[in-house]
């Protein structure tokens, strides 16, 4: 690991004055000569530094900025999660557990208890892919600036089965899958007091649009909060994560389903998929297959089949197609 200086930011403005690069820019050598990057929980950044993939000259600690570590819930306006809220805080929060079941389930299945105590929500959303070719110093892959995705013809058993034409890596955040299903937005602070709020589905960047990064954050921007819309008593949700092992592991497939119900009939549905594509996605086909229908074995199966419509599995991950279908169906039926 390279030597670096440490800056303890006390405010958002102070942090933004110090930063000059994103981790993505440092990795693809688009950063200035003396790159300065943010650290919150630090799990992904320190992994990348220990792996020799990024060498920032300054690390700006934003973990202790007041006000970014709070959770607030108001029934009419919804849930606001500070960017420095830990996954453990979210897991312990009774409002999330009561009103946003799929989000609570996703958080509870993310990492180990030790990691959940450290990992921040903002860092979890902004983390880089865990594709082993991306994490290898020996492979200059597409996401690191070359034109090659080594996984396409290599070891791809955990990789994408949808929208995998250029890069076939998958995003590591299971929490993002649930937030996407609830229609969450990301609050982003910029220079000179500027602020923007972006729908979660627009926060992530497909490799077909820009293979060098997975999210829209610029070098002078910082996630400050995540906003989750209010839900009614008729909102039903469920989340399922399937890993290679029951113990700590990244998802090889995960699904979050959020349904607006009227009795057993579904007025509206969102089916979100993680580890299916390079970024978390909403399956419009699976969601539409449930709208206006009674939730039954048949309608759940139709939605599950639709979720993998157009899938293009690679040489070693075709098993993910029936796996996704199985857990989509199971998650839908668990909402009733």
C-alpha atoms as a PDB file:
ATOM      1  CA  UNK A   1       0.000   0.000   0.000  1.00  0.00           C
ATOM      2  CA  UNK A   2       1.282   3.467  -0.890  1.00  0.00           C
ATOM      3  CA  UNK A   3       1.890   6.234   1.637  1.00  0.00           C
ATOM      4  CA  UNK A   4      -0.861   8.839   1.831  1.00  0.00           C
ATOM      5  CA  UNK A   5      -1.911  11.840   3.893  1.00  0.00           C
ATOM      6  CA  UNK A   6      -5.099  11.920   5.945  1.00  0.00           C
ATOM      7  CA  UNK A   7      -7.632  14.752   6.164  1.00  0.00           C
ATOM      8  CA  UNK A   8     -10.415  14.734   8.764  1.00  0.00           C
ATOM      9  CA  UNK A   9     -13.354  16.600   7.213  1.00  0.00           C
ATOM     10  CA  UNK A  10     -15.660  18.355   9.661  1.00  0.00           C
ATOM     11  CA  UNK A  11     -18.279  19.556   7.164  1.00  0.00           C
ATOM     12  CA  UNK A  12     -19.530  18.620   3.690  1.00  0.00           C
ATOM     13  CA  UNK A  13     -18.154  21.873   2.257  1.00  0.00           C
ATOM     14  CA  UNK A  14     -14.756  21.226   3.811  1.00  0.00           C
ATOM     15  CA  UNK A  15     -14.680  17.734   2.329  1.00  0.00           C
ATOM     16  CA  UNK A  16     -15.607  19.026  -1.122  1.00  0.00           C
ATOM     17  CA  UNK A  17     -12.825  21.615  -0.954  1.00  0.00           C
ATOM     18  CA  UNK A  18     -10.249  18.856  -0.425  1.00  0.00           C
ATOM     19  CA  UNK A  19     -11.362  16.206  -2.932  1.00  0.00           C
ATOM     20  CA  UNK A  20     -10.199  16.208  -6.553  1.00  0.00           C
ATOM     21  CA  UNK A  21     -10.878  12.688  -7.832  1.00  0.00           C
ATOM     22  CA  UNK A  22     -13.199   9.713  -7.658  1.00  0.00           C
ATOM     23  CA  UNK A  23     -11.823   6.236  -7.025  1.00  0.00           C
ATOM     24  CA  UNK A  24     -12.828   5.386 -10.607  1.00  0.00           C
ATOM     25  CA  UNK A  25     -10.697   8.234 -11.959  1.00  0.00           C
ATOM     26  CA  UNK A  26      -7.687   7.161  -9.886  1.00  0.00           C
ATOM     27  CA  UNK A  27      -8.006   3.612 -11.146  1.00  0.00           C
ATOM     28  CA  UNK A  28      -8.218   4.623 -14.814  1.00  0.00           C
ATOM     29  CA  UNK A  29      -5.445   7.276 -14.437  1.00  0.00           C
ATOM     30  CA  UNK A  30      -7.866  10.104 -15.256  1.00  0.00           C
ATOM     31  CA  UNK A  31      -7.158  11.732 -11.894  1.00  0.00           C
ATOM     32  CA  UNK A  32      -4.739  14.618 -11.148  1.00  0.00           C
ATOM     33  CA  UNK A  33      -1.128  13.882 -10.181  1.00  0.00           C
ATOM     34  CA  UNK A  34      -1.954  14.212  -6.470  1.00  0.00           C
ATOM     35  CA  UNK A  35      -5.345  12.446  -6.225  1.00  0.00           C
ATOM     36  CA  UNK A  36      -7.444  13.002  -3.101  1.00  0.00           C
ATOM     37  CA  UNK A  37     -10.440  10.711  -2.547  1.00  0.00           C
ATOM     38  CA  UNK A  38     -13.221  10.207  -0.005  1.00  0.00           C
ATOM     39  CA  UNK A  39     -13.390   7.493   2.637  1.00  0.00           C
ATOM     40  CA  UNK A  40     -16.424   6.712   4.773  1.00  0.00           C
ATOM     41  CA  UNK A  41     -16.484   3.135   6.064  1.00  0.00           C
ATOM     42  CA  UNK A  42     -13.395   2.557   3.929  1.00  0.00           C
ATOM     43  CA  UNK A  43     -13.957  -1.126   3.222  1.00  0.00           C
ATOM     44  CA  UNK A  44     -13.850  -0.982  -0.580  1.00  0.00           C
ATOM     45  CA  UNK A  45     -11.286   1.831  -0.808  1.00  0.00           C
ATOM     46  CA  UNK A  46      -8.823   0.069   1.486  1.00  0.00           C
ATOM     47  CA  UNK A  47      -9.319  -3.195  -0.414  1.00  0.00           C
ATOM     48  CA  UNK A  48      -8.450  -1.435  -3.670  1.00  0.00           C
ATOM     49  CA  UNK A  49      -5.419   0.207  -2.068  1.00  0.00           C
ATOM     50  CA  UNK A  50      -4.160  -3.048  -0.572  1.00  0.00           C
ATOM     51  CA  UNK A  51      -4.643  -4.745  -3.929  1.00  0.00           C
ATOM     52  CA  UNK A  52      -2.446  -2.046  -5.514  1.00  0.00           C
ATOM     53  CA  UNK A  53      -5.198  -0.889  -7.868  1.00  0.00           C
ATOM     54  CA  UNK A  54      -5.465   2.695  -6.590  1.00  0.00           C
ATOM     55  CA  UNK A  55      -2.837   4.903  -4.965  1.00  0.00           C
ATOM     56  CA  UNK A  56      -4.398   8.135  -3.699  1.00  0.00           C
ATOM     57  CA  UNK A  57      -2.057  10.713  -2.215  1.00  0.00           C
ATOM     58  CA  UNK A  58      -4.702  11.962   0.211  1.00  0.00           C
ATOM     59  CA  UNK A  59      -7.622  10.215   1.904  1.00  0.00           C
ATOM     60  CA  UNK A  60     -10.425  12.482   3.111  1.00  0.00           C
ATOM     61  CA  UNK A  61     -12.325  10.932   5.997  1.00  0.00           C
ATOM     62  CA  UNK A  62     -15.996  11.936   5.818  1.00  0.00           C
ATOM     63  CA  UNK A  63     -17.126   9.409   8.411  1.00  0.00           C
ATOM     64  CA  UNK A  64     -17.404  11.936  11.255  1.00  0.00           C
ATOM     65  CA  UNK A  65     -19.215  14.772   9.482  1.00  0.00           C
ATOM     66  CA  UNK A  66     -22.169  15.696  11.732  1.00  0.00           C
ATOM     67  CA  UNK A  67     -25.641  14.988  10.378  1.00  0.00           C
ATOM     68  CA  UNK A  68     -24.722  12.333   7.837  1.00  0.00           C
ATOM     69  CA  UNK A  69     -25.230   9.419  10.229  1.00  0.00           C
ATOM     70  CA  UNK A  70     -28.921   9.819  11.069  1.00  0.00           C
ATOM     71  CA  UNK A  71     -32.087   7.973  10.082  1.00  0.00           C
ATOM     72  CA  UNK A  72     -35.413   9.800  10.045  1.00  0.00           C
ATOM     73  CA  UNK A  73     -38.850   8.431   9.216  1.00  0.00           C
ATOM     74  CA  UNK A  74     -42.047  10.424   8.795  1.00  0.00           C
ATOM     75  CA  UNK A  75     -45.086   8.490   7.612  1.00  0.00           C
ATOM     76  CA  UNK A  76     -46.180  11.080   5.054  1.00  0.00           C
ATOM     77  CA  UNK A  77     -42.749  11.913   3.645  1.00  0.00           C
ATOM     78  CA  UNK A  78     -40.938   8.585   3.946  1.00  0.00           C
ATOM     79  CA  UNK A  79     -37.462   7.555   5.020  1.00  0.00           C
ATOM     80  CA  UNK A  80     -34.252   9.591   4.928  1.00  0.00           C
ATOM     81  CA  UNK A  81     -30.964   7.786   5.416  1.00  0.00           C
ATOM     82  CA  UNK A  82     -27.749   9.747   5.908  1.00  0.00           C
ATOM     83  CA  UNK A  83     -24.874   8.614   3.713  1.00  0.00           C
ATOM     84  CA  UNK A  84     -22.770   7.683   6.752  1.00  0.00           C
ATOM     85  CA  UNK A  85     -25.477   5.538   8.322  1.00  0.00           C
ATOM     86  CA  UNK A  86     -24.036   2.074   8.781  1.00  0.00           C
ATOM     87  CA  UNK A  87     -25.733  -1.066   7.553  1.00  0.00           C
ATOM     88  CA  UNK A  88     -25.892  -2.170  11.197  1.00  0.00           C
ATOM     89  CA  UNK A  89     -27.856   0.986  12.072  1.00  0.00           C
ATOM     90  CA  UNK A  90     -30.297   0.226   9.284  1.00  0.00           C
ATOM     91  CA  UNK A  91     -30.649  -3.372  10.415  1.00  0.00           C
ATOM     92  CA  UNK A  92     -31.468  -2.254  13.965  1.00  0.00           C
ATOM     93  CA  UNK A  93     -33.946   0.455  12.931  1.00  0.00           C
ATOM     94  CA  UNK A  94     -37.534  -0.464  13.815  1.00  0.00           C
ATOM     95  CA  UNK A  95     -39.116   1.856  11.203  1.00  0.00           C
ATOM     96  CA  UNK A  96     -37.192   0.160   8.391  1.00  0.00           C
ATOM     97  CA  UNK A  97     -38.083  -3.265   9.751  1.00  0.00           C
ATOM     98  CA  UNK A  98     -41.785  -2.401  10.036  1.00  0.00           C
ATOM     99  CA  UNK A  99     -42.378  -0.370   6.857  1.00  0.00           C
ATOM    100  CA  UNK A 100     -39.633  -1.408   4.424  1.00  0.00           C
ATOM    101  CA  UNK A 101     -39.351  -5.148   4.913  1.00  0.00           C
ATOM    102  CA  UNK A 102     -37.390  -5.922   1.742  1.00  0.00           C
ATOM    103  CA  UNK A 103     -34.824  -3.233   2.578  1.00  0.00           C
ATOM    104  CA  UNK A 104     -34.417  -4.598   6.097  1.00  0.00           C
ATOM    105  CA  UNK A 105     -33.952  -8.116   4.731  1.00  0.00           C
ATOM    106  CA  UNK A 106     -31.358  -6.903   2.216  1.00  0.00           C
ATOM    107  CA  UNK A 107     -29.348  -5.085   4.875  1.00  0.00           C
ATOM    108  CA  UNK A 108     -29.506  -8.041   7.262  1.00  0.00           C
ATOM    109  CA  UNK A 109     -28.010 -10.291   4.565  1.00  0.00           C
ATOM    110  CA  UNK A 110     -25.234  -7.900   3.536  1.00  0.00           C
ATOM    111  CA  UNK A 111     -21.778  -9.028   4.626  1.00  0.00           C
ATOM    112  CA  UNK A 112     -20.932 -10.113   8.160  1.00  0.00           C
ATOM    113  CA  UNK A 113     -21.959  -8.373  11.394  1.00  0.00           C
ATOM    114  CA  UNK A 114     -18.458  -6.898  11.593  1.00  0.00           C
ATOM    115  CA  UNK A 115     -18.700  -5.458   8.076  1.00  0.00           C
ATOM    116  CA  UNK A 116     -22.205  -4.107   8.693  1.00  0.00           C
ATOM    117  CA  UNK A 117     -20.843  -2.234  11.712  1.00  0.00           C
ATOM    118  CA  UNK A 118     -18.261  -0.523   9.492  1.00  0.00           C
ATOM    119  CA  UNK A 119     -19.886  -0.182   6.086  1.00  0.00           C
ATOM    120  CA  UNK A 120     -21.716   3.059   5.290  1.00  0.00           C
ATOM    121  CA  UNK A 121     -24.737   3.282   3.025  1.00  0.00           C
ATOM    122  CA  UNK A 122     -23.081   5.785   0.698  1.00  0.00           C
ATOM    123  CA  UNK A 123     -19.963   3.668   0.370  1.00  0.00           C
ATOM    124  CA  UNK A 124     -22.031   0.558  -0.243  1.00  0.00           C
ATOM    125  CA  UNK A 125     -23.774   2.211  -3.191  1.00  0.00           C
ATOM    126  CA  UNK A 126     -20.580   3.722  -4.634  1.00  0.00           C
ATOM    127  CA  UNK A 127     -18.393   0.601  -4.330  1.00  0.00           C
ATOM    128  CA  UNK A 128     -16.717  -0.950  -7.363  1.00  0.00           C
ATOM    129  CA  UNK A 129     -17.436  -4.366  -8.842  1.00  0.00           C
ATOM    130  CA  UNK A 130     -15.940  -7.464  -7.238  1.00  0.00           C
ATOM    131  CA  UNK A 131     -15.210  -9.137 -10.599  1.00  0.00           C
ATOM    132  CA  UNK A 132     -11.944 -11.004 -10.121  1.00  0.00           C
ATOM    133  CA  UNK A 133     -10.529  -9.727 -13.413  1.00  0.00           C
ATOM    134  CA  UNK A 134     -11.231  -6.147 -12.368  1.00  0.00           C
ATOM    135  CA  UNK A 135      -9.577  -6.832  -9.001  1.00  0.00           C
ATOM    136  CA  UNK A 136      -6.501  -8.394 -10.605  1.00  0.00           C
ATOM    137  CA  UNK A 137      -3.348  -6.385 -11.316  1.00  0.00           C
ATOM    138  CA  UNK A 138      -2.620  -8.819 -14.134  1.00  0.00           C
ATOM    139  CA  UNK A 139      -5.728  -7.977 -16.167  1.00  0.00           C
ATOM    140  CA  UNK A 140      -6.263  -4.556 -17.732  1.00  0.00           C
ATOM    141  CA  UNK A 141      -9.964  -5.085 -18.305  1.00  0.00           C
ATOM    142  CA  UNK A 142     -12.648  -2.926 -19.920  1.00  0.00           C
ATOM    143  CA  UNK A 143     -13.527  -1.208 -16.646  1.00  0.00           C
ATOM    144  CA  UNK A 144      -9.863  -0.234 -16.213  1.00  0.00           C
ATOM    145  CA  UNK A 145      -9.558   1.380 -19.627  1.00  0.00           C
ATOM    146  CA  UNK A 146      -8.887  -1.417 -22.116  1.00  0.00           C
ATOM    147  CA  UNK A 147     -11.296  -2.841 -24.664  1.00  0.00           C
ATOM    148  CA  UNK A 148     -11.361  -6.327 -23.192  1.00  0.00           C
ATOM    149  CA  UNK A 149     -13.793  -8.076 -20.847  1.00  0.00           C
ATOM    150  CA  UNK A 150     -11.832 -11.163 -19.819  1.00  0.00           C
ATOM    151  CA  UNK A 151     -14.849 -12.720 -18.138  1.00  0.00           C
ATOM    152  CA  UNK A 152     -16.754 -13.099 -21.399  1.00  0.00           C
ATOM    153  CA  UNK A 153     -14.557 -16.025 -22.453  1.00  0.00           C
ATOM    154  CA  UNK A 154     -13.075 -16.796 -19.053  1.00  0.00           C
ATOM    155  CA  UNK A 155     -14.262 -17.591 -15.541  1.00  0.00           C
ATOM    156  CA  UNK A 156     -17.752 -16.089 -15.636  1.00  0.00           C
ATOM    157  CA  UNK A 157     -19.890 -18.265 -13.371  1.00  0.00           C
ATOM    158  CA  UNK A 158     -20.915 -15.346 -11.123  1.00  0.00           C
ATOM    159  CA  UNK A 159     -21.272 -12.744 -13.859  1.00  0.00           C
ATOM    160  CA  UNK A 160     -24.143 -10.988 -15.640  1.00  0.00           C
ATOM    161  CA  UNK A 161     -26.797 -12.757 -17.709  1.00  0.00           C
ATOM    162  CA  UNK A 162     -28.596  -9.565 -18.840  1.00  0.00           C
ATOM    163  CA  UNK A 163     -27.160  -6.531 -20.677  1.00  0.00           C
ATOM    164  CA  UNK A 164     -23.734  -8.167 -20.633  1.00  0.00           C
ATOM    165  CA  UNK A 165     -22.658  -7.285 -24.163  1.00  0.00           C
ATOM    166  CA  UNK A 166     -19.650  -5.193 -23.205  1.00  0.00           C
ATOM    167  CA  UNK A 167     -18.759  -5.743 -19.531  1.00  0.00           C
ATOM    168  CA  UNK A 168     -20.210  -8.796 -17.805  1.00  0.00           C
ATOM    169  CA  UNK A 169     -19.340  -7.853 -14.208  1.00  0.00           C
ATOM    170  CA  UNK A 170     -22.112  -7.296 -11.647  1.00  0.00           C
ATOM    171  CA  UNK A 171     -22.532  -4.650  -8.965  1.00  0.00           C
ATOM    172  CA  UNK A 172     -21.766  -5.817  -5.436  1.00  0.00           C
ATOM    173  CA  UNK A 173     -24.492  -3.903  -3.531  1.00  0.00           C
ATOM    174  CA  UNK A 174     -27.475  -5.990  -2.445  1.00  0.00           C
ATOM    175  CA  UNK A 175     -28.847  -2.990  -0.560  1.00  0.00           C
ATOM    176  CA  UNK A 176     -29.154  -1.144  -3.880  1.00  0.00           C
ATOM    177  CA  UNK A 177     -31.493  -3.838  -5.194  1.00  0.00           C
ATOM    178  CA  UNK A 178     -34.012  -3.203  -2.417  1.00  0.00           C
ATOM    179  CA  UNK A 179     -33.668   0.592  -2.587  1.00  0.00           C
ATOM    180  CA  UNK A 180     -34.279   0.438  -6.325  1.00  0.00           C
ATOM    181  CA  UNK A 181     -37.460  -1.573  -5.776  1.00  0.00           C
ATOM    182  CA  UNK A 182     -38.767   1.063  -3.335  1.00  0.00           C
ATOM    183  CA  UNK A 183     -38.086   3.882  -5.808  1.00  0.00           C
ATOM    184  CA  UNK A 184     -35.383   5.528  -3.705  1.00  0.00           C
ATOM    185  CA  UNK A 185     -33.401   8.615  -4.730  1.00  0.00           C
ATOM    186  CA  UNK A 186     -29.826   9.666  -3.997  1.00  0.00           C
ATOM    187  CA  UNK A 187     -29.101  13.140  -2.614  1.00  0.00           C
ATOM    188  CA  UNK A 188     -25.770  14.475  -3.890  1.00  0.00           C
ATOM    189  CA  UNK A 189     -23.899  17.589  -2.724  1.00  0.00           C
ATOM    190  CA  UNK A 190     -21.665  19.515  -5.103  1.00  0.00           C
ATOM    191  CA  UNK A 191     -19.455  22.613  -5.000  1.00  0.00           C
ATOM    192  CA  UNK A 192     -20.745  26.059  -3.997  1.00  0.00           C
ATOM    193  CA  UNK A 193     -23.699  24.600  -2.114  1.00  0.00           C
ATOM    194  CA  UNK A 194     -25.198  22.943  -5.164  1.00  0.00           C
ATOM    195  CA  UNK A 195     -27.323  19.873  -4.568  1.00  0.00           C
ATOM    196  CA  UNK A 196     -29.135  17.424  -6.791  1.00  0.00           C
ATOM    197  CA  UNK A 197     -31.424  14.480  -6.141  1.00  0.00           C
ATOM    198  CA  UNK A 198     -31.243  11.603  -8.588  1.00  0.00           C
ATOM    199  CA  UNK A 199     -33.550   8.577  -8.864  1.00  0.00           C
ATOM    200  CA  UNK A 200     -31.708   5.395  -7.912  1.00  0.00           C
ATOM    201  CA  UNK A 201     -32.203   3.947 -11.391  1.00  0.00           C
ATOM    202  CA  UNK A 202     -30.316   6.940 -12.837  1.00  0.00           C
ATOM    203  CA  UNK A 203     -27.553   6.832 -10.226  1.00  0.00           C
ATOM    204  CA  UNK A 204     -25.912   3.729 -11.697  1.00  0.00           C
ATOM    205  CA  UNK A 205     -24.062   3.873 -15.030  1.00  0.00           C
ATOM    206  CA  UNK A 206     -24.222   1.017 -17.503  1.00  0.00           C
ATOM    207  CA  UNK A 207     -20.840  -0.013 -18.971  1.00  0.00           C
ATOM    208  CA  UNK A 208     -22.368   0.515 -22.396  1.00  0.00           C
ATOM    209  CA  UNK A 209     -22.590   4.219 -21.514  1.00  0.00           C
ATOM    210  CA  UNK A 210     -19.292   4.510 -19.624  1.00  0.00           C
ATOM    211  CA  UNK A 211     -17.258   1.451 -18.695  1.00  0.00           C
ATOM    212  CA  UNK A 212     -14.902   3.401 -16.403  1.00  0.00           C
ATOM    213  CA  UNK A 213     -17.428   3.909 -13.595  1.00  0.00           C
ATOM    214  CA  UNK A 214     -20.550   2.367 -12.088  1.00  0.00           C
ATOM    215  CA  UNK A 215     -22.225   5.541 -10.794  1.00  0.00           C
ATOM    216  CA  UNK A 216     -22.712   9.156 -11.846  1.00  0.00           C
ATOM    217  CA  UNK A 217     -20.648  10.768  -9.073  1.00  0.00           C
ATOM    218  CA  UNK A 218     -18.186  13.397 -10.271  1.00  0.00           C
ATOM    219  CA  UNK A 219     -14.890  14.194  -8.565  1.00  0.00           C
ATOM    220  CA  UNK A 220     -16.404  17.214  -6.780  1.00  0.00           C
ATOM    221  CA  UNK A 221     -19.540  15.479  -5.510  1.00  0.00           C
ATOM    222  CA  UNK A 222     -20.507  13.577  -2.367  1.00  0.00           C
ATOM    223  CA  UNK A 223     -23.522  11.427  -1.488  1.00  0.00           C
ATOM    224  CA  UNK A 224     -25.237  13.010   1.525  1.00  0.00           C
ATOM    225  CA  UNK A 225     -28.430  10.953   1.858  1.00  0.00           C
ATOM    226  CA  UNK A 226     -30.768   8.401   0.356  1.00  0.00           C
ATOM    227  CA  UNK A 227     -34.485   9.231   0.250  1.00  0.00           C
ATOM    228  CA  UNK A 228     -37.048   6.421   0.207  1.00  0.00           C
ATOM    229  CA  UNK A 229     -40.670   7.360  -0.622  1.00  0.00           C
ATOM    230  CA  UNK A 230     -43.463   6.689   1.893  1.00  0.00           C
ATOM    231  CA  UNK A 231     -45.313   3.396   1.763  1.00  0.00           C
ATOM    232  CA  UNK A 232     -48.874   2.535   2.718  1.00  0.00           C
ATOM    233  CA  UNK A 233     -50.234  -0.282   4.826  1.00  0.00           C
ATOM    234  CA  UNK A 234     -51.093  -2.003   1.537  1.00  0.00           C
ATOM    235  CA  UNK A 235     -47.470  -2.079   0.398  1.00  0.00           C
ATOM    236  CA  UNK A 236     -46.010  -5.561   0.572  1.00  0.00           C
ATOM    237  CA  UNK A 237     -42.372  -6.385  -0.056  1.00  0.00           C
ATOM    238  CA  UNK A 238     -39.869  -9.201   0.129  1.00  0.00           C
ATOM    239  CA  UNK A 239     -36.184  -9.706  -0.618  1.00  0.00           C
ATOM    240  CA  UNK A 240     -34.211 -12.881  -1.342  1.00  0.00           C
ATOM    241  CA  UNK A 241     -30.457 -13.200  -1.687  1.00  0.00           C
ATOM    242  CA  UNK A 242     -28.892 -16.336  -3.084  1.00  0.00           C
ATOM    243  CA  UNK A 243     -25.190 -16.782  -2.462  1.00  0.00           C
ATOM    244  CA  UNK A 244     -22.825 -19.614  -3.190  1.00  0.00           C
ATOM    245  CA  UNK A 245     -22.697 -20.222   0.579  1.00  0.00           C
ATOM    246  CA  UNK A 246     -25.149 -19.590   3.372  1.00  0.00           C
ATOM    247  CA  UNK A 247     -22.480 -17.730   5.334  1.00  0.00           C
ATOM    248  CA  UNK A 248     -20.971 -14.382   4.311  1.00  0.00           C
ATOM    249  CA  UNK A 249     -20.842 -14.079   0.551  1.00  0.00           C
ATOM    250  CA  UNK A 250     -21.754 -11.707  -2.247  1.00  0.00           C
ATOM    251  CA  UNK A 251     -24.987 -12.469  -4.054  1.00  0.00           C
ATOM    252  CA  UNK A 252     -24.939 -14.585  -7.173  1.00  0.00           C
ATOM    253  CA  UNK A 253     -28.589 -13.567  -7.548  1.00  0.00           C
ATOM    254  CA  UNK A 254     -30.845 -11.347  -5.497  1.00  0.00           C
ATOM    255  CA  UNK A 255     -34.387 -10.063  -5.927  1.00  0.00           C
ATOM    256  CA  UNK A 256     -36.483  -7.381  -4.252  1.00  0.00           C
ATOM    257  CA  UNK A 257     -40.223  -7.235  -4.901  1.00  0.00           C
ATOM    258  CA  UNK A 258     -42.455  -4.321  -3.850  1.00  0.00           C
ATOM    259  CA  UNK A 259     -46.186  -4.654  -4.494  1.00  0.00           C
ATOM    260  CA  UNK A 260     -49.061  -2.219  -4.011  1.00  0.00           C
ATOM    261  CA  UNK A 261     -51.969  -4.492  -3.094  1.00  0.00           C
ATOM    262  CA  UNK A 262     -55.744  -4.301  -2.977  1.00  0.00           C
ATOM    263  CA  UNK A 263     -56.732  -7.509  -1.244  1.00  0.00           C
ATOM    264  CA  UNK A 264     -54.983 -10.241  -3.220  1.00  0.00           C
ATOM    265  CA  UNK A 265     -54.895  -8.135  -6.387  1.00  0.00           C
ATOM    266  CA  UNK A 266     -51.758  -6.260  -7.339  1.00  0.00           C
ATOM    267  CA  UNK A 267     -52.368  -2.645  -8.350  1.00  0.00           C
ATOM    268  CA  UNK A 268     -48.707  -1.976  -9.107  1.00  0.00           C
ATOM    269  CA  UNK A 269     -45.441  -3.908  -8.871  1.00  0.00           C
ATOM    270  CA  UNK A 270     -41.702  -3.388  -8.985  1.00  0.00           C
ATOM    271  CA  UNK A 271     -39.384  -6.374  -9.415  1.00  0.00           C
ATOM    272  CA  UNK A 272     -35.721  -5.420  -9.003  1.00  0.00           C
ATOM    273  CA  UNK A 273     -32.805  -7.709  -9.811  1.00  0.00           C
ATOM    274  CA  UNK A 274     -29.270  -7.605  -8.445  1.00  0.00           C
ATOM    275  CA  UNK A 275     -26.299  -9.586  -9.846  1.00  0.00           C
ATOM    276  CA  UNK A 276     -28.246 -10.101 -13.065  1.00  0.00           C
ATOM    277  CA  UNK A 277     -26.754  -7.200 -15.032  1.00  0.00           C
ATOM    278  CA  UNK A 278     -23.694  -4.967 -14.588  1.00  0.00           C
ATOM    279  CA  UNK A 279     -25.846  -2.600 -12.486  1.00  0.00           C
ATOM    280  CA  UNK A 280     -28.978  -3.263 -10.410  1.00  0.00           C
ATOM    281  CA  UNK A 281     -32.048  -3.151 -12.658  1.00  0.00           C
ATOM    282  CA  UNK A 282     -35.829  -3.101 -12.518  1.00  0.00           C
ATOM    283  CA  UNK A 283     -37.342  -5.801 -14.693  1.00  0.00           C
ATOM    284  CA  UNK A 284     -40.135  -3.944 -16.446  1.00  0.00           C
ATOM    285  CA  UNK A 285     -41.452  -7.152 -17.982  1.00  0.00           C
ATOM    286  CA  UNK A 286     -41.627  -8.962 -14.633  1.00  0.00           C
ATOM    287  CA  UNK A 287     -43.256  -5.942 -12.993  1.00  0.00           C
ATOM    288  CA  UNK A 288     -45.857  -5.559 -15.754  1.00  0.00           C
ATOM    289  CA  UNK A 289     -46.729  -9.266 -15.565  1.00  0.00           C
ATOM    290  CA  UNK A 290     -48.130  -8.726 -12.059  1.00  0.00           C
ATOM    291  CA  UNK A 291     -49.978  -5.442 -12.511  1.00  0.00           C
ATOM    292  CA  UNK A 292     -53.756  -5.807 -12.190  1.00  0.00           C
ATOM    293  CA  UNK A 293     -53.566  -9.494 -11.385  1.00  0.00           C
ATOM    294  CA  UNK A 294     -54.237 -11.625  -8.343  1.00  0.00           C
ATOM    295  CA  UNK A 295     -51.080 -12.939  -6.758  1.00  0.00           C
ATOM    296  CA  UNK A 296     -51.175 -16.663  -7.408  1.00  0.00           C
ATOM    297  CA  UNK A 297     -48.747 -19.413  -8.297  1.00  0.00           C
ATOM    298  CA  UNK A 298     -49.521 -18.783 -11.960  1.00  0.00           C
ATOM    299  CA  UNK A 299     -49.066 -14.998 -11.943  1.00  0.00           C
ATOM    300  CA  UNK A 300     -45.877 -15.330  -9.889  1.00  0.00           C
ATOM    301  CA  UNK A 301     -44.517 -17.873 -12.364  1.00  0.00           C
ATOM    302  CA  UNK A 302     -45.420 -15.636 -15.325  1.00  0.00           C
ATOM    303  CA  UNK A 303     -43.551 -12.751 -13.706  1.00  0.00           C
ATOM    304  CA  UNK A 304     -40.566 -14.984 -12.977  1.00  0.00           C
ATOM    305  CA  UNK A 305     -40.425 -16.151 -16.598  1.00  0.00           C
ATOM    306  CA  UNK A 306     -40.656 -12.552 -17.810  1.00  0.00           C
ATOM    307  CA  UNK A 307     -37.770 -11.497 -15.538  1.00  0.00           C
ATOM    308  CA  UNK A 308     -35.309 -13.491 -17.633  1.00  0.00           C
ATOM    309  CA  UNK A 309     -36.737 -12.574 -21.017  1.00  0.00           C
ATOM    310  CA  UNK A 310     -33.833 -11.689 -23.290  1.00  0.00           C
ATOM    311  CA  UNK A 311     -31.191 -13.162 -20.970  1.00  0.00           C
ATOM    312  CA  UNK A 312     -27.891 -13.976 -22.664  1.00  0.00           C
ATOM    313  CA  UNK A 313     -25.986 -16.256 -20.286  1.00  0.00           C
ATOM    314  CA  UNK A 314     -22.287 -16.835 -20.764  1.00  0.00           C
ATOM    315  CA  UNK A 315     -20.449 -20.150 -20.972  1.00  0.00           C
ATOM    316  CA  UNK A 316     -20.477 -20.916 -17.243  1.00  0.00           C
ATOM    317  CA  UNK A 317     -23.430 -18.999 -15.747  1.00  0.00           C
ATOM    318  CA  UNK A 318     -26.536 -20.326 -17.509  1.00  0.00           C
ATOM    319  CA  UNK A 319     -27.607 -21.776 -14.138  1.00  0.00           C
ATOM    320  CA  UNK A 320     -28.411 -18.214 -13.029  1.00  0.00           C
ATOM    321  CA  UNK A 321     -31.413 -18.016 -15.389  1.00  0.00           C
ATOM    322  CA  UNK A 322     -33.507 -20.730 -13.643  1.00  0.00           C
ATOM    323  CA  UNK A 323     -32.126 -19.536 -10.300  1.00  0.00           C
ATOM    324  CA  UNK A 324     -33.470 -16.021 -10.861  1.00  0.00           C
ATOM    325  CA  UNK A 325     -36.807 -17.397 -11.995  1.00  0.00           C
ATOM    326  CA  UNK A 326     -37.074 -19.498  -8.832  1.00  0.00           C
ATOM    327  CA  UNK A 327     -36.296 -16.686  -6.392  1.00  0.00           C
ATOM    328  CA  UNK A 328     -38.449 -14.112  -8.231  1.00  0.00           C
ATOM    329  CA  UNK A 329     -41.421 -16.454  -7.942  1.00  0.00           C
ATOM    330  CA  UNK A 330     -40.652 -17.238  -4.318  1.00  0.00           C
ATOM    331  CA  UNK A 331     -40.272 -13.564  -3.369  1.00  0.00           C
ATOM    332  CA  UNK A 332     -43.599 -12.665  -4.989  1.00  0.00           C
ATOM    333  CA  UNK A 333     -45.451 -15.446  -3.209  1.00  0.00           C
ATOM    334  CA  UNK A 334     -43.842 -14.474   0.119  1.00  0.00           C
ATOM    335  CA  UNK A 335     -45.532 -11.060  -0.041  1.00  0.00           C
ATOM    336  CA  UNK A 336     -49.023 -12.586   0.421  1.00  0.00           C
END
